[in-house]
Amino acid sequence: MTYINAGTLGVVPGGREQLVSILTQRSDLLRELGCLSYEVGINDEQPATVFVVETWVDAAAHQASLGHPDVAAAIAAAKHVLDGEFSGFRFDVVGSPLRDHDAR
């Protein structure tokens, strides 16, 4: 079942562009690990926040990706610009008006 991980990452002052650069580096590995989409966004009304929405083939693929050495290295590279403020939500997709209901 398709899995969504969506959240916000708080950044230290002046760190937003660096975090966006790290998160948007091309990675064919993510697709190999089961990531269907990985969208990074900003909102000028919240300059200390980066938004991320990930779509995975399932929750297990997302969890397994966190243990991959290249993914762990990317997370480590970003830690110095994170301020520790995180929020978000996760869910299994059950349907969409954009496709037939049985085509999960």
N, C-alpha and C. Protein backbone atom coordinates (compact mmCIF):
# COMPACT_ATOMS: atom_id res chain seq x y z
N MET A 1 0.85 -1.18 0.00
CA MET A 1 0.00 0.00 0.00
C MET A 1 0.90 1.24 0.00
N THR A 2 0.62 2.17 -0.90
CA THR A 2 1.42 3.40 -0.99
C THR A 2 1.42 4.12 0.35
N TYR A 3 2.58 4.71 0.68
CA TYR A 3 2.80 5.32 1.99
C TYR A 3 3.27 6.77 1.78
N ILE A 4 2.73 7.66 2.58
CA ILE A 4 3.12 9.08 2.53
C ILE A 4 3.81 9.45 3.83
N ASN A 5 4.93 10.16 3.71
CA ASN A 5 5.61 10.76 4.85
C ASN A 5 5.74 12.25 4.53
N ALA A 6 5.03 13.08 5.29
CA ALA A 6 5.03 14.51 5.03
C ALA A 6 5.40 15.24 6.30
N GLY A 7 6.21 16.28 6.16
CA GLY A 7 6.58 16.99 7.37
C GLY A 7 7.31 18.29 7.13
N THR A 8 7.67 18.90 8.24
CA THR A 8 8.44 20.14 8.21
C THR A 8 9.75 19.93 8.96
N LEU A 9 10.76 20.61 8.46
CA LEU A 9 12.08 20.57 9.08
C LEU A 9 12.46 22.01 9.44
N GLY A 10 12.69 22.27 10.71
CA GLY A 10 13.14 23.59 11.13
C GLY A 10 14.62 23.74 10.86
N VAL A 11 15.01 24.95 10.43
CA VAL A 11 16.41 25.19 10.11
C VAL A 11 16.96 26.36 10.93
N VAL A 12 18.27 26.34 11.13
CA VAL A 12 18.93 27.43 11.82
C VAL A 12 18.87 28.67 10.93
N PRO A 13 19.01 29.87 11.51
CA PRO A 13 18.97 31.08 10.69
C PRO A 13 19.98 31.01 9.54
N GLY A 14 19.49 31.30 8.35
CA GLY A 14 20.33 31.28 7.16
C GLY A 14 20.59 29.90 6.58
N GLY A 15 20.00 28.86 7.16
CA GLY A 15 20.28 27.50 6.73
C GLY A 15 19.31 26.91 5.72
N ARG A 16 18.23 27.63 5.43
CA ARG A 16 17.20 27.05 4.57
C ARG A 16 17.71 26.68 3.19
N GLU A 17 18.42 27.58 2.52
CA GLU A 17 18.88 27.29 1.16
C GLU A 17 19.87 26.13 1.13
N GLN A 18 20.69 26.01 2.17
CA GLN A 18 21.63 24.90 2.21
C GLN A 18 20.89 23.58 2.38
N LEU A 19 19.88 23.55 3.25
CA LEU A 19 19.09 22.33 3.43
C LEU A 19 18.36 21.97 2.14
N VAL A 20 17.77 22.96 1.48
CA VAL A 20 17.08 22.70 0.21
C VAL A 20 18.07 22.12 -0.80
N SER A 21 19.27 22.64 -0.84
CA SER A 21 20.29 22.13 -1.76
C SER A 21 20.63 20.68 -1.47
N ILE A 22 20.76 20.34 -0.21
CA ILE A 22 21.07 18.96 0.19
C ILE A 22 19.91 18.03 -0.18
N LEU A 23 18.69 18.45 0.14
CA LEU A 23 17.52 17.59 -0.07
C LEU A 23 17.14 17.42 -1.53
N THR A 24 17.55 18.36 -2.38
CA THR A 24 17.15 18.28 -3.79
C THR A 24 18.27 17.77 -4.70
N GLN A 25 19.37 17.30 -4.12
CA GLN A 25 20.41 16.69 -4.96
C GLN A 25 19.84 15.46 -5.64
N ARG A 26 20.10 15.32 -6.92
CA ARG A 26 19.60 14.18 -7.70
C ARG A 26 20.00 12.87 -7.03
N SER A 27 19.04 11.94 -6.89
CA SER A 27 19.31 10.65 -6.28
C SER A 27 18.47 9.57 -6.94
N ASP A 28 19.05 8.86 -7.88
CA ASP A 28 18.37 7.72 -8.49
C ASP A 28 18.22 6.59 -7.48
N LEU A 29 19.08 6.59 -6.46
CA LEU A 29 19.02 5.58 -5.41
C LEU A 29 17.66 5.56 -4.73
N LEU A 30 17.09 6.73 -4.45
CA LEU A 30 15.79 6.78 -3.77
C LEU A 30 14.73 6.01 -4.55
N ARG A 31 14.72 6.17 -5.86
CA ARG A 31 13.74 5.43 -6.69
C ARG A 31 13.99 3.93 -6.56
N GLU A 32 15.27 3.53 -6.57
CA GLU A 32 15.62 2.11 -6.42
C GLU A 32 15.15 1.56 -5.08
N LEU A 33 15.14 2.41 -4.06
CA LEU A 33 14.74 1.99 -2.72
C LEU A 33 13.22 1.99 -2.53
N GLY A 34 12.47 2.49 -3.52
CA GLY A 34 11.02 2.45 -3.44
C GLY A 34 10.35 3.80 -3.30
N CYS A 35 11.10 4.89 -3.47
CA CYS A 35 10.50 6.23 -3.38
C CYS A 35 9.86 6.58 -4.72
N LEU A 36 8.58 6.93 -4.68
CA LEU A 36 7.83 7.28 -5.89
C LEU A 36 7.90 8.77 -6.18
N SER A 37 7.97 9.58 -5.13
CA SER A 37 8.15 11.02 -5.28
C SER A 37 8.73 11.58 -4.00
N TYR A 38 9.49 12.67 -4.14
CA TYR A 38 10.12 13.33 -3.00
C TYR A 38 10.13 14.81 -3.33
N GLU A 39 9.21 15.54 -2.74
CA GLU A 39 9.03 16.96 -3.06
C GLU A 39 9.48 17.82 -1.89
N VAL A 40 10.29 18.82 -2.19
CA VAL A 40 10.83 19.73 -1.19
C VAL A 40 10.29 21.12 -1.50
N GLY A 41 9.81 21.82 -0.48
CA GLY A 41 9.24 23.14 -0.70
C GLY A 41 9.57 24.13 0.39
N ILE A 42 9.32 25.39 0.06
CA ILE A 42 9.51 26.49 1.01
C ILE A 42 8.29 27.40 0.96
N ASN A 43 8.16 28.22 1.98
CA ASN A 43 7.10 29.21 2.07
C ASN A 43 7.76 30.45 2.65
N ASP A 44 7.76 31.54 1.93
CA ASP A 44 8.45 32.75 2.39
C ASP A 44 7.89 33.30 3.70
N GLU A 45 6.67 32.91 4.06
CA GLU A 45 6.11 33.33 5.34
C GLU A 45 6.68 32.52 6.50
N GLN A 46 7.40 31.43 6.19
CA GLN A 46 8.03 30.59 7.20
C GLN A 46 9.49 30.34 6.79
N PRO A 47 10.35 31.36 6.91
CA PRO A 47 11.72 31.26 6.40
C PRO A 47 12.61 30.27 7.15
N ALA A 48 12.18 29.80 8.30
CA ALA A 48 12.98 28.84 9.07
C ALA A 48 12.45 27.42 8.93
N THR A 49 11.68 27.17 7.87
CA THR A 49 11.05 25.86 7.69
C THR A 49 11.22 25.37 6.25
N VAL A 50 11.50 24.07 6.12
CA VAL A 50 11.51 23.40 4.82
C VAL A 50 10.45 22.31 4.90
N PHE A 51 9.65 22.20 3.86
CA PHE A 51 8.57 21.22 3.79
C PHE A 51 8.99 20.07 2.89
N VAL A 52 8.65 18.85 3.31
CA VAL A 52 8.99 17.66 2.52
C VAL A 52 7.78 16.73 2.48
N VAL A 53 7.45 16.25 1.28
CA VAL A 53 6.40 15.25 1.11
C VAL A 53 7.00 14.11 0.30
N GLU A 54 7.02 12.92 0.89
CA GLU A 54 7.58 11.74 0.25
C GLU A 54 6.47 10.72 0.01
N THR A 55 6.49 10.09 -1.15
CA THR A 55 5.57 9.00 -1.45
C THR A 55 6.42 7.75 -1.70
N TRP A 56 6.09 6.68 -0.99
CA TRP A 56 6.85 5.43 -1.07
C TRP A 56 5.94 4.28 -1.47
N VAL A 57 6.52 3.23 -2.01
CA VAL A 57 5.71 2.06 -2.39
C VAL A 57 5.01 1.48 -1.17
N ASP A 58 5.65 1.56 -0.01
CA ASP A 58 5.03 1.13 1.25
C ASP A 58 5.88 1.62 2.42
N ALA A 59 5.35 1.50 3.62
CA ALA A 59 6.05 1.98 4.82
C ALA A 59 7.35 1.24 5.04
N ALA A 60 7.40 -0.05 4.71
CA ALA A 60 8.62 -0.83 4.91
C ALA A 60 9.76 -0.30 4.04
N ALA A 61 9.46 0.10 2.81
CA ALA A 61 10.50 0.65 1.93
C ALA A 61 11.06 1.94 2.50
N HIS A 62 10.18 2.80 3.03
CA HIS A 62 10.64 4.04 3.64
C HIS A 62 11.55 3.74 4.83
N GLN A 63 11.11 2.87 5.70
CA GLN A 63 11.89 2.53 6.89
C GLN A 63 13.24 1.93 6.50
N ALA A 64 13.25 1.03 5.53
CA ALA A 64 14.49 0.40 5.09
C ALA A 64 15.45 1.42 4.49
N SER A 65 14.93 2.41 3.80
CA SER A 65 15.79 3.42 3.17
C SER A 65 16.62 4.17 4.20
N LEU A 66 16.08 4.35 5.38
CA LEU A 66 16.79 5.10 6.42
C LEU A 66 18.06 4.39 6.86
N GLY A 67 18.14 3.09 6.65
CA GLY A 67 19.32 2.33 7.01
C GLY A 67 20.36 2.24 5.90
N HIS A 68 20.04 2.74 4.72
CA HIS A 68 21.00 2.67 3.62
C HIS A 68 22.14 3.67 3.89
N PRO A 69 23.39 3.29 3.68
CA PRO A 69 24.53 4.17 3.98
C PRO A 69 24.48 5.52 3.26
N ASP A 70 24.04 5.56 2.01
CA ASP A 70 23.98 6.83 1.29
C ASP A 70 22.90 7.75 1.84
N VAL A 71 21.77 7.18 2.25
CA VAL A 71 20.70 7.97 2.85
C VAL A 71 21.16 8.48 4.21
N ALA A 72 21.79 7.63 4.99
CA ALA A 72 22.31 8.04 6.30
C ALA A 72 23.33 9.16 6.15
N ALA A 73 24.16 9.10 5.12
CA ALA A 73 25.16 10.14 4.88
C ALA A 73 24.49 11.47 4.53
N ALA A 74 23.42 11.43 3.74
CA ALA A 74 22.70 12.66 3.39
C ALA A 74 22.05 13.27 4.63
N ILE A 75 21.50 12.43 5.48
CA ILE A 75 20.90 12.92 6.73
C ILE A 75 21.98 13.56 7.60
N ALA A 76 23.11 12.92 7.71
CA ALA A 76 24.21 13.46 8.51
C ALA A 76 24.70 14.80 7.95
N ALA A 77 24.73 14.92 6.63
CA ALA A 77 25.18 16.17 6.00
C ALA A 77 24.24 17.33 6.29
N ALA A 78 22.98 17.02 6.55
CA ALA A 78 21.98 18.06 6.79
C ALA A 78 21.87 18.46 8.26
N LYS A 79 22.35 17.65 9.17
CA LYS A 79 22.12 17.89 10.60
C LYS A 79 22.59 19.25 11.09
N HIS A 80 23.67 19.77 10.55
CA HIS A 80 24.21 21.03 11.05
C HIS A 80 23.32 22.24 10.75
N VAL A 81 22.38 22.12 9.82
CA VAL A 81 21.48 23.24 9.52
C VAL A 81 20.09 23.04 10.11
N LEU A 82 19.86 21.92 10.76
CA LEU A 82 18.56 21.65 11.39
C LEU A 82 18.55 22.21 12.80
N ASP A 83 17.41 22.77 13.21
CA ASP A 83 17.32 23.34 14.57
C ASP A 83 16.59 22.45 15.56
N GLY A 84 16.16 21.27 15.12
CA GLY A 84 15.50 20.33 16.02
C GLY A 84 13.99 20.44 16.04
N GLU A 85 13.42 21.40 15.32
CA GLU A 85 11.97 21.56 15.25
C GLU A 85 11.45 20.76 14.06
N PHE A 86 10.69 19.70 14.36
CA PHE A 86 10.15 18.85 13.31
C PHE A 86 8.68 18.60 13.58
N SER A 87 7.91 18.48 12.52
CA SER A 87 6.53 18.05 12.66
C SER A 87 6.16 17.29 11.40
N GLY A 88 5.04 16.61 11.45
CA GLY A 88 4.62 15.91 10.26
C GLY A 88 3.58 14.86 10.53
N PHE A 89 3.32 14.10 9.50
CA PHE A 89 2.35 13.02 9.60
C PHE A 89 2.68 11.97 8.55
N ARG A 90 2.19 10.78 8.79
CA ARG A 90 2.42 9.64 7.90
C ARG A 90 1.09 8.90 7.74
N PHE A 91 0.89 8.33 6.54
CA PHE A 91 -0.32 7.55 6.36
C PHE A 91 -0.18 6.63 5.17
N ASP A 92 -0.99 5.56 5.18
CA ASP A 92 -1.12 4.66 4.04
C ASP A 92 -2.24 5.20 3.16
N VAL A 93 -1.99 5.31 1.88
CA VAL A 93 -2.98 5.84 0.94
C VAL A 93 -4.07 4.79 0.71
N VAL A 94 -5.31 5.23 0.79
CA VAL A 94 -6.43 4.32 0.57
C VAL A 94 -7.22 4.64 -0.70
N GLY A 95 -6.92 5.74 -1.36
CA GLY A 95 -7.61 6.05 -2.60
C GLY A 95 -7.36 7.46 -3.05
N SER A 96 -7.85 7.76 -4.24
CA SER A 96 -7.69 9.08 -4.84
C SER A 96 -8.76 9.25 -5.91
N PRO A 97 -9.26 10.48 -6.10
CA PRO A 97 -10.22 10.71 -7.17
C PRO A 97 -9.54 10.75 -8.54
N LEU A 98 -8.22 10.63 -8.58
CA LEU A 98 -7.47 10.68 -9.83
C LEU A 98 -7.26 9.31 -10.47
N ARG A 99 -7.72 8.25 -9.79
CA ARG A 99 -7.56 6.90 -10.35
C ARG A 99 -8.68 6.01 -9.81
N ASP A 100 -8.85 4.84 -10.42
CA ASP A 100 -9.85 3.88 -9.95
C ASP A 100 -9.49 3.44 -8.55
N HIS A 101 -10.49 3.19 -7.73
CA HIS A 101 -10.25 2.84 -6.33
C HIS A 101 -9.50 1.53 -6.14
N ASP A 102 -9.60 0.62 -7.07
CA ASP A 102 -8.91 -0.64 -6.90
C ASP A 102 -7.46 -0.58 -7.39
N ALA A 103 -6.99 0.58 -7.82
CA ALA A 103 -5.63 0.72 -8.37
C ALA A 103 -4.69 1.36 -7.36
N ARG A 104 -4.68 0.86 -6.16
CA ARG A 104 -3.80 1.42 -5.12
C ARG A 104 -2.39 1.17 -5.47
